[in-house]
Amino acid sequence: MESWGLKPDDPGSRQLIEIINSKTKKLKHDLLKAQSADEKFQLVFKFYRFYFTQCLSKEMMKLGLHKSPTRDYLLDFPWKECEQDRFFCLKIWEKINK
């Protein structure tokens, strides 16, 4: 189980780690099935949007979701682990984070 730079011994972090692991596993699986660039865009957008909205929560900020290295692991996941184009992912993140 990946810890994403969070503290697995903290109960709140443990639950967040489980959620992130399920989201990343689903993203990887869905990207393998995606046929068009638009489908891939929507999947990566949804993943980044999940991360962005979680970072707005005070509880998640206390856990360090918005800090490095957790932030870096999650933002890099679609292009490092799922082999998507890095600039494609960067454009999606910029669109969300305006």
C-alpha atoms as a PDB file:
ATOM      1  CA  MET A   1       0.000   0.000   0.000  1.00  0.00           C
ATOM      2  CA  GLU A   2       1.382   3.364  -1.072  1.00  0.00           C
ATOM      3  CA  SER A   3       1.555   5.987   1.705  1.00  0.00           C
ATOM      4  CA  TRP A   4       1.756   9.055  -0.609  1.00  0.00           C
ATOM      5  CA  GLY A   5       4.032  10.872   1.845  1.00  0.00           C
ATOM      6  CA  LEU A   6       1.357  10.798   4.569  1.00  0.00           C
ATOM      7  CA  LYS A   7       1.717   9.242   8.026  1.00  0.00           C
ATOM      8  CA  PRO A   8       0.105   5.783   7.891  1.00  0.00           C
ATOM      9  CA  ASP A   9       0.000   5.500  11.692  1.00  0.00           C
ATOM     10  CA  ASP A  10      -2.389   8.484  11.971  1.00  0.00           C
ATOM     11  CA  PRO A  11      -6.050   7.295  11.777  1.00  0.00           C
ATOM     12  CA  GLY A  12      -7.115  10.226   9.562  1.00  0.00           C
ATOM     13  CA  SER A  13      -4.153   9.701   7.255  1.00  0.00           C
ATOM     14  CA  ARG A  14      -4.818   5.976   7.049  1.00  0.00           C
ATOM     15  CA  GLN A  15      -8.354   6.582   5.803  1.00  0.00           C
ATOM     16  CA  LEU A  16      -7.116   9.195   3.313  1.00  0.00           C
ATOM     17  CA  ILE A  17      -4.412   6.808   2.062  1.00  0.00           C
ATOM     18  CA  GLU A  18      -7.068   4.151   1.410  1.00  0.00           C
ATOM     19  CA  ILE A  19      -9.197   6.655  -0.520  1.00  0.00           C
ATOM     20  CA  ILE A  20      -6.227   7.853  -2.592  1.00  0.00           C
ATOM     21  CA  ASN A  21      -5.138   4.287  -3.327  1.00  0.00           C
ATOM     22  CA  SER A  22      -8.611   3.410  -4.590  1.00  0.00           C
ATOM     23  CA  LYS A  23      -8.794   6.600  -6.717  1.00  0.00           C
ATOM     24  CA  THR A  24      -5.372   6.002  -8.279  1.00  0.00           C
ATOM     25  CA  LYS A  25      -6.127   2.348  -8.943  1.00  0.00           C
ATOM     26  CA  LYS A  26      -9.419   3.314 -10.612  1.00  0.00           C
ATOM     27  CA  LEU A  27      -7.734   6.040 -12.669  1.00  0.00           C
ATOM     28  CA  LYS A  28      -5.067   3.659 -13.925  1.00  0.00           C
ATOM     29  CA  HIS A  29      -7.659   1.025 -14.817  1.00  0.00           C
ATOM     30  CA  ASP A  30      -9.971   3.498 -16.562  1.00  0.00           C
ATOM     31  CA  LEU A  31      -7.141   5.106 -18.537  1.00  0.00           C
ATOM     32  CA  LEU A  32      -6.192   1.707 -19.933  1.00  0.00           C
ATOM     33  CA  LYS A  33      -9.756   1.306 -21.206  1.00  0.00           C
ATOM     34  CA  ALA A  34     -10.098   4.880 -22.526  1.00  0.00           C
ATOM     35  CA  GLN A  35     -10.165   5.105 -26.299  1.00  0.00           C
ATOM     36  CA  SER A  36     -10.138   8.801 -27.118  1.00  0.00           C
ATOM     37  CA  ALA A  37      -8.128  11.773 -25.915  1.00  0.00           C
ATOM     38  CA  ASP A  38     -11.356  13.342 -24.663  1.00  0.00           C
ATOM     39  CA  GLU A  39     -12.057  10.346 -22.417  1.00  0.00           C
ATOM     40  CA  LYS A  40      -8.525  10.525 -21.036  1.00  0.00           C
ATOM     41  CA  PHE A  41      -8.901  14.256 -20.483  1.00  0.00           C
ATOM     42  CA  GLN A  42     -12.102  13.702 -18.514  1.00  0.00           C
ATOM     43  CA  LEU A  43     -10.539  10.986 -16.364  1.00  0.00           C
ATOM     44  CA  VAL A  44      -7.444  13.011 -15.478  1.00  0.00           C
ATOM     45  CA  PHE A  45      -9.596  16.109 -14.930  1.00  0.00           C
ATOM     46  CA  LYS A  46     -11.812  14.173 -12.517  1.00  0.00           C
ATOM     47  CA  PHE A  47      -8.755  12.862 -10.617  1.00  0.00           C
ATOM     48  CA  TYR A  48      -7.193  16.320 -10.309  1.00  0.00           C
ATOM     49  CA  ARG A  49     -10.547  17.841  -9.372  1.00  0.00           C
ATOM     50  CA  PHE A  50     -10.878  15.305  -6.562  1.00  0.00           C
ATOM     51  CA  TYR A  51      -7.432  16.290  -5.276  1.00  0.00           C
ATOM     52  CA  PHE A  52      -8.190  20.021  -5.585  1.00  0.00           C
ATOM     53  CA  THR A  53     -11.471  19.788  -3.682  1.00  0.00           C
ATOM     54  CA  GLN A  54      -9.893  17.650  -0.954  1.00  0.00           C
ATOM     55  CA  CYS A  55      -7.210  20.316  -0.469  1.00  0.00           C
ATOM     56  CA  LEU A  56      -9.916  22.864   0.347  1.00  0.00           C
ATOM     57  CA  SER A  57     -10.861  20.935   3.478  1.00  0.00           C
ATOM     58  CA  LYS A  58      -9.249  22.117   6.720  1.00  0.00           C
ATOM     59  CA  GLU A  59      -9.021  18.525   7.907  1.00  0.00           C
ATOM     60  CA  MET A  60      -7.076  17.496   4.805  1.00  0.00           C
ATOM     61  CA  MET A  61      -4.790  20.499   5.172  1.00  0.00           C
ATOM     62  CA  LYS A  62      -3.964  19.345   8.717  1.00  0.00           C
ATOM     63  CA  LEU A  63      -3.032  15.939   7.322  1.00  0.00           C
ATOM     64  CA  GLY A  64      -0.670  17.597   4.815  1.00  0.00           C
ATOM     65  CA  LEU A  65      -2.461  16.687   1.598  1.00  0.00           C
ATOM     66  CA  HIS A  66      -1.561  20.034   0.020  1.00  0.00           C
ATOM     67  CA  LYS A  67       2.163  19.855   0.903  1.00  0.00           C
ATOM     68  CA  SER A  68       5.145  18.245  -0.729  1.00  0.00           C
ATOM     69  CA  PRO A  69       5.780  15.295  -1.169  1.00  0.00           C
ATOM     70  CA  THR A  70       2.095  14.255  -1.133  1.00  0.00           C
ATOM     71  CA  ARG A  71       1.116  16.984  -3.584  1.00  0.00           C
ATOM     72  CA  ASP A  72       3.944  16.023  -5.938  1.00  0.00           C
ATOM     73  CA  TYR A  73       3.093  12.318  -5.861  1.00  0.00           C
ATOM     74  CA  LEU A  74      -0.547  12.964  -6.707  1.00  0.00           C
ATOM     75  CA  LEU A  75       0.028  15.568  -9.390  1.00  0.00           C
ATOM     76  CA  ASP A  76       2.684  13.405 -11.060  1.00  0.00           C
ATOM     77  CA  PHE A  77       0.691  10.167 -10.875  1.00  0.00           C
ATOM     78  CA  PRO A  78      -1.212  10.463 -14.204  1.00  0.00           C
ATOM     79  CA  TRP A  79       1.909  11.011 -16.276  1.00  0.00           C
ATOM     80  CA  LYS A  80       4.437   8.938 -14.310  1.00  0.00           C
ATOM     81  CA  GLU A  81       2.392   5.873 -13.423  1.00  0.00           C
ATOM     82  CA  CYS A  82      -0.334   5.999 -16.084  1.00  0.00           C
ATOM     83  CA  GLU A  83       2.015   7.103 -18.880  1.00  0.00           C
ATOM     84  CA  GLN A  84      -0.008  10.114 -19.963  1.00  0.00           C
ATOM     85  CA  ASP A  85       1.642  13.080 -21.641  1.00  0.00           C
ATOM     86  CA  ARG A  86       3.142  15.359 -19.000  1.00  0.00           C
ATOM     87  CA  PHE A  87       2.100  18.591 -20.726  1.00  0.00           C
ATOM     88  CA  PHE A  88      -1.404  17.230 -21.263  1.00  0.00           C
ATOM     89  CA  CYS A  89      -1.665  16.686 -17.484  1.00  0.00           C
ATOM     90  CA  LEU A  90      -0.116  20.079 -16.743  1.00  0.00           C
ATOM     91  CA  LYS A  91      -2.706  21.844 -18.912  1.00  0.00           C
ATOM     92  CA  ILE A  92      -5.516  20.050 -17.102  1.00  0.00           C
ATOM     93  CA  TRP A  93      -4.129  21.008 -13.688  1.00  0.00           C
ATOM     94  CA  GLU A  94      -3.708  24.635 -14.778  1.00  0.00           C
ATOM     95  CA  LYS A  95      -7.315  24.690 -15.970  1.00  0.00           C
ATOM     96  CA  ILE A  96      -8.527  23.534 -12.550  1.00  0.00           C
ATOM     97  CA  ASN A  97      -6.143  25.641 -10.500  1.00  0.00           C
ATOM     98  CA  LYS A  98      -6.919  29.047 -12.044  1.00  0.00           C
END
